[in-house]
Amino acid sequence: MKIWLDGGLQDIDSARVSVLDHGLTVGDGIFETVKTVDGRPFALTRHLDRLTRSARGLGLPEPDHDEVRRACSAVLDANPMPLGRLRVTYTGGVSPLGSDRGDHGPTLVVALGETSRRADATAVITVPWTRNERGALTGLKTTSYAENVVALARAHEQGASEALFANTVGRLCEGTGSNVFVVLDGEIHTPPVASGCLAGITRALVVEWTGARETDLPLDVLQSADEIFLTSSLRDVQAVHRVDGRELPGAPGPVTAKAMRIFDERSGNDLDP
């Protein structure tokens, strides 16, 4: 396996990032996860635009899109696989111990792992912890993912593949690595970005392609919604058949199934929408 690290391809067994890298010591970094199909990335332009927005929000130098594209192409060419998870990680680089950044410059890593197509439906849980819709990192895809690790572990303990958060005012927000949609009276709704959720790439495409509405929703909408589904770069559109103790028989329901078909067709016709 070959990865890209700071300017070139390296063997994964010998590639090394400094133990003083700010991404390791304080979680000072950003990342993107890109689905790849037969060696081609999906929606890479949108992912790079969001990487830049996250860099600006964190105060990192803006990444060079041309360099990142070269890195992605090199890694994909070196590691052929039918369906992959391409991970672009961009950190504050070697820095002093503590929160202050050094002047070494950012670290760029691009790596690829094989993945498989998700199931059409999955189970989710809600967790007691909240997203802070007013935090300094709100809306940024940062490497500070520890609370997601804790919440996802709770989901796995309960036989689910995802955990869903409310925000600090009790409104439905997002999952650990996904956006959430609900169907009410035949219409698709998803929390607005103002709820504190990440502006997901797949989320945006589903809103554009299905006419879904951004709606401020209470967390307990999950107990009454006709259908529920998740979106993310690797899930695409995935129905929810159970949320906490509530079963949603027949998932994916008709509205979700239509959204799945639309996404499959549109994404298949344009790999960089």
Protein backbone atom coordinates (compact mmCIF):
# COMPACT_ATOMS: atom_id res chain seq x y z
CA MET A 1 0.00 0.00 0.00
CA LYS A 2 1.28 3.45 -0.98
CA ILE A 3 0.27 6.73 0.66
CA TRP A 4 1.10 10.35 -0.11
CA LEU A 5 2.99 12.18 2.60
CA ASP A 6 4.33 15.73 2.19
CA GLY A 7 5.18 15.72 -1.47
CA GLY A 8 5.43 12.13 -2.64
CA LEU A 9 4.35 8.51 -2.46
CA GLN A 10 5.72 6.40 0.38
CA ASP A 11 5.26 2.83 1.55
CA ILE A 12 2.66 2.73 4.28
CA ASP A 13 4.97 0.66 6.50
CA SER A 14 7.74 3.25 6.40
CA ALA A 15 5.81 6.54 6.15
CA ARG A 16 6.08 8.56 9.35
CA VAL A 17 4.49 11.74 10.70
CA SER A 18 6.31 13.51 13.51
CA VAL A 19 5.21 12.79 17.07
CA LEU A 20 5.14 16.59 17.45
CA ASP A 21 2.65 17.09 14.63
CA HIS A 22 -0.14 19.36 15.87
CA GLY A 23 -2.72 17.00 14.40
CA LEU A 24 -1.53 14.35 16.86
CA THR A 25 -0.81 16.44 19.93
CA VAL A 26 -3.91 18.66 19.98
CA GLY A 27 -6.14 17.52 17.10
CA ASP A 28 -5.26 20.60 15.03
CA GLY A 29 -6.20 19.34 11.60
CA ILE A 30 -8.92 18.86 9.03
CA PHE A 31 -9.83 16.05 6.68
CA GLU A 32 -12.08 14.82 3.90
CA THR A 33 -13.29 11.31 3.13
CA VAL A 34 -13.95 10.75 -0.57
CA LYS A 35 -15.64 7.74 -2.13
CA THR A 36 -13.72 6.25 -5.05
CA VAL A 37 -15.18 3.99 -7.72
CA ASP A 38 -12.77 2.01 -9.92
CA GLY A 39 -9.98 4.44 -9.12
CA ARG A 40 -12.00 7.61 -9.69
CA PRO A 41 -13.00 9.98 -6.85
CA PHE A 42 -16.59 11.13 -6.44
CA ALA A 43 -17.37 14.85 -5.96
CA LEU A 44 -13.71 15.70 -5.42
CA THR A 45 -14.19 19.38 -6.29
CA ARG A 46 -16.84 19.78 -3.59
CA HIS A 47 -14.64 17.97 -1.09
CA LEU A 48 -11.67 20.22 -1.86
CA ASP A 49 -13.83 23.32 -1.53
CA ARG A 50 -14.98 22.14 1.90
CA LEU A 51 -11.38 21.33 2.86
CA THR A 52 -10.52 24.94 2.12
CA ARG A 53 -13.49 26.22 4.15
CA SER A 54 -12.39 24.07 7.08
CA ALA A 55 -8.80 25.34 6.76
CA ARG A 56 -10.00 28.94 6.84
CA GLY A 57 -12.18 28.24 9.87
CA LEU A 58 -9.28 26.64 11.73
CA GLY A 59 -6.79 29.31 10.67
CA LEU A 60 -4.62 26.93 8.64
CA PRO A 61 -2.99 27.97 5.35
CA GLU A 62 -5.31 27.18 2.46
CA PRO A 63 -4.43 23.83 0.87
CA ASP A 64 -3.13 23.80 -2.70
CA HIS A 65 -5.90 22.10 -4.68
CA ASP A 66 -3.55 21.15 -7.49
CA GLU A 67 -1.22 19.43 -5.07
CA VAL A 68 -4.06 17.59 -3.36
CA ARG A 69 -5.42 16.45 -6.72
CA ARG A 70 -1.97 15.19 -7.73
CA ALA A 71 -1.70 13.35 -4.45
CA CYS A 72 -5.13 11.77 -4.86
CA SER A 73 -4.36 10.66 -8.42
CA ALA A 74 -1.01 9.18 -7.42
CA VAL A 75 -2.51 7.23 -4.51
CA LEU A 76 -5.40 5.95 -6.61
CA ASP A 77 -3.09 4.87 -9.43
CA ALA A 78 -0.80 3.08 -6.97
CA ASN A 79 -3.59 1.23 -5.17
CA PRO A 80 -6.24 -0.06 -7.61
CA MET A 81 -9.49 -1.22 -6.01
CA PRO A 82 -13.18 -1.24 -7.04
CA LEU A 83 -14.57 0.77 -4.12
CA GLY A 84 -12.39 2.84 -1.85
CA ARG A 85 -12.26 5.33 1.02
CA LEU A 86 -9.84 8.11 0.05
CA ARG A 87 -8.77 10.09 3.10
CA VAL A 88 -7.19 13.54 2.77
CA THR A 89 -5.71 14.76 6.08
CA TYR A 90 -4.23 18.24 6.49
CA THR A 91 -2.78 19.29 9.85
CA GLY A 92 -1.04 22.18 11.55
CA GLY A 93 2.29 20.38 11.14
CA VAL A 94 5.20 20.11 13.55
CA SER A 95 4.60 22.51 16.45
CA PRO A 96 5.57 23.11 20.06
CA LEU A 97 3.81 21.07 22.71
CA GLY A 98 0.64 23.01 23.53
CA SER A 99 -1.90 24.91 21.50
CA ASP A 100 0.44 27.35 19.76
CA ARG A 101 1.33 26.44 16.17
CA GLY A 102 4.88 26.28 14.92
CA ASP A 103 6.25 27.66 11.65
CA HIS A 104 7.10 24.30 10.08
CA GLY A 105 4.06 24.39 7.79
CA PRO A 106 1.14 22.00 7.33
CA THR A 107 1.31 18.23 6.91
CA LEU A 108 -0.60 16.64 4.02
CA VAL A 109 -1.42 12.93 4.00
CA VAL A 110 -3.54 11.12 1.41
CA ALA A 111 -4.33 7.46 2.03
CA LEU A 112 -6.72 4.91 0.54
CA GLY A 113 -8.51 1.95 2.05
CA GLU A 114 -10.82 -0.58 0.48
CA THR A 115 -14.47 -0.53 1.49
CA SER A 116 -17.70 -2.31 0.59
CA ARG A 117 -21.17 -1.12 -0.37
CA ARG A 118 -23.33 -0.30 2.61
CA ALA A 119 -26.50 -2.22 3.44
CA ASP A 120 -29.74 -0.65 2.21
CA ALA A 121 -30.97 -0.16 5.80
CA THR A 122 -29.38 0.16 9.22
CA ALA A 123 -30.12 0.77 12.90
CA VAL A 124 -29.27 3.98 14.77
CA ILE A 125 -29.44 5.23 18.33
CA THR A 126 -29.67 8.66 19.93
CA VAL A 127 -27.08 9.64 22.51
CA PRO A 128 -27.30 11.95 25.56
CA TRP A 129 -24.41 14.15 24.45
CA THR A 130 -24.99 17.26 22.34
CA ARG A 131 -23.47 19.12 19.42
CA ASN A 132 -22.56 22.73 20.17
CA GLU A 133 -24.12 24.75 17.37
CA ARG A 134 -22.19 27.84 18.53
CA GLY A 135 -18.73 26.30 18.97
CA ALA A 136 -15.51 27.46 17.33
CA LEU A 137 -15.34 24.26 15.26
CA THR A 138 -19.02 24.09 14.30
CA GLY A 139 -19.41 23.22 10.63
CA LEU A 140 -15.71 22.37 10.19
CA LYS A 141 -14.56 18.85 9.37
CA THR A 142 -11.71 18.64 11.86
CA THR A 143 -9.65 15.74 13.14
CA SER A 144 -10.96 16.43 16.67
CA TYR A 145 -13.21 13.37 16.49
CA ALA A 146 -12.97 11.90 19.98
CA GLU A 147 -16.61 12.53 20.90
CA ASN A 148 -17.63 10.75 17.71
CA VAL A 149 -15.49 7.77 18.70
CA VAL A 150 -17.26 7.58 22.07
CA ALA A 151 -20.74 7.93 20.57
CA LEU A 152 -20.09 5.41 17.79
CA ALA A 153 -18.81 2.88 20.32
CA ARG A 154 -22.09 3.33 22.23
CA ALA A 155 -24.01 2.67 18.98
CA HIS A 156 -22.04 -0.51 18.28
CA GLU A 157 -22.72 -1.75 21.82
CA GLN A 158 -26.44 -1.45 21.04
CA GLY A 159 -26.31 -3.16 17.66
CA ALA A 160 -26.44 0.05 15.62
CA SER A 161 -24.12 1.54 13.03
CA GLU A 162 -24.62 5.21 13.86
CA ALA A 163 -25.35 7.54 16.76
CA LEU A 164 -27.45 10.69 16.33
CA PHE A 165 -26.98 13.92 18.28
CA ALA A 166 -29.26 16.75 19.26
CA ASN A 167 -27.76 20.22 19.64
CA THR A 168 -27.68 22.26 22.85
CA VAL A 169 -31.30 23.42 22.41
CA GLY A 170 -32.69 19.94 21.80
CA ARG A 171 -33.00 20.11 18.03
CA LEU A 172 -32.05 17.23 15.74
CA CYS A 173 -28.52 17.77 14.43
CA GLU A 174 -26.47 14.94 12.84
CA GLY A 175 -24.71 11.62 13.29
CA THR A 176 -21.09 10.93 14.14
CA GLY A 177 -20.25 10.81 10.44
CA SER A 178 -23.52 11.33 8.66
CA ASN A 179 -26.39 13.71 8.07
CA VAL A 180 -29.94 12.70 8.90
CA PHE A 181 -33.15 13.13 6.90
CA VAL A 182 -36.75 12.44 7.92
CA VAL A 183 -39.89 11.99 5.83
CA LEU A 184 -43.03 13.72 7.12
CA ASP A 185 -46.27 13.44 5.15
CA GLY A 186 -44.36 12.51 2.02
CA GLU A 187 -41.87 15.40 2.22
CA ILE A 188 -38.15 15.07 2.95
CA HIS A 189 -36.64 17.28 5.67
CA THR A 190 -33.13 17.66 7.07
CA PRO A 191 -31.75 19.92 9.82
CA PRO A 192 -30.30 23.23 8.59
CA VAL A 193 -26.58 23.93 8.88
CA ALA A 194 -27.49 26.41 11.63
CA SER A 195 -28.35 23.40 13.80
CA GLY A 196 -24.61 22.74 14.08
CA CYS A 197 -24.44 19.87 11.60
CA LEU A 198 -21.69 19.48 9.05
CA ALA A 199 -22.57 20.67 5.56
CA GLY A 200 -22.22 17.17 4.12
CA ILE A 201 -21.37 16.72 0.45
CA THR A 202 -23.92 13.94 -0.02
CA ARG A 203 -26.41 15.93 2.05
CA ALA A 204 -26.11 18.88 -0.33
CA LEU A 205 -26.55 16.68 -3.40
CA VAL A 206 -29.62 14.98 -1.94
CA VAL A 207 -31.16 18.38 -1.14
CA GLU A 208 -30.46 19.55 -4.71
CA TRP A 209 -31.60 16.37 -6.42
CA THR A 210 -34.72 15.54 -4.37
CA GLY A 211 -35.99 18.97 -3.30
CA ALA A 212 -35.59 18.13 0.39
CA ARG A 213 -36.30 21.00 2.76
CA GLU A 214 -33.99 22.32 5.47
CA THR A 215 -36.17 22.39 8.58
CA ASP A 216 -35.50 23.02 12.26
CA LEU A 217 -36.64 19.75 13.85
CA PRO A 218 -37.01 18.52 17.44
CA LEU A 219 -35.04 15.41 18.34
CA ASP A 220 -38.26 13.52 19.06
CA VAL A 221 -39.24 13.78 15.39
CA LEU A 222 -37.35 10.50 15.14
CA GLN A 223 -40.18 8.85 17.07
CA SER A 224 -42.88 9.99 14.66
CA ALA A 225 -41.25 10.35 11.23
CA ASP A 226 -42.69 8.12 8.50
CA GLU A 227 -39.20 7.33 7.21
CA ILE A 228 -35.64 8.16 8.25
CA PHE A 229 -32.45 7.95 6.26
CA LEU A 230 -28.78 8.86 6.56
CA THR A 231 -26.37 10.33 4.03
CA SER A 232 -22.59 10.37 3.88
CA SER A 233 -19.81 9.90 1.37
CA LEU A 234 -19.62 6.15 1.96
CA ARG A 235 -23.25 5.46 2.88
CA ASP A 236 -24.67 7.48 -0.04
CA VAL A 237 -28.36 7.25 0.96
CA GLN A 238 -29.09 4.60 3.60
CA ALA A 239 -32.48 3.89 5.15
CA VAL A 240 -32.97 3.52 8.91
CA HIS A 241 -34.99 0.48 10.01
CA ARG A 242 -34.63 1.07 13.75
CA VAL A 243 -34.01 4.13 15.90
CA ASP A 244 -33.50 3.35 19.60
CA GLY A 245 -36.42 1.01 20.40
CA ARG A 246 -38.59 2.08 17.50
CA GLU A 247 -38.82 -0.20 14.47
CA LEU A 248 -39.57 1.20 11.02
CA PRO A 249 -40.82 -1.87 9.17
CA GLY A 250 -40.38 -2.03 5.44
CA ALA A 251 -37.36 0.28 5.34
CA PRO A 252 -36.41 1.66 2.91
CA GLY A 253 -39.84 3.20 2.52
CA PRO A 254 -41.09 4.56 -0.79
CA VAL A 255 -39.72 8.10 -0.42
CA THR A 256 -36.33 6.89 0.76
CA ALA A 257 -36.19 4.28 -1.99
CA LYS A 258 -36.85 6.99 -4.57
CA ALA A 259 -34.11 9.17 -3.07
CA MET A 260 -31.73 6.20 -3.26
CA ARG A 261 -32.56 5.64 -6.93
CA ILE A 262 -32.15 9.32 -7.78
CA PHE A 263 -28.79 9.49 -6.02
CA ASP A 264 -27.51 6.31 -7.67
CA GLU A 265 -28.55 7.53 -11.12
CA ARG A 266 -27.29 11.11 -10.79
CA SER A 267 -24.00 10.18 -9.14
CA GLY A 268 -23.41 7.44 -11.69
CA ASN A 269 -23.81 9.90 -14.53
CA ASP A 270 -21.49 12.56 -13.08
CA LEU A 271 -18.54 11.72 -10.84
CA ASP A 272 -17.83 15.40 -10.07
CA PRO A 273 -21.22 17.07 -9.72
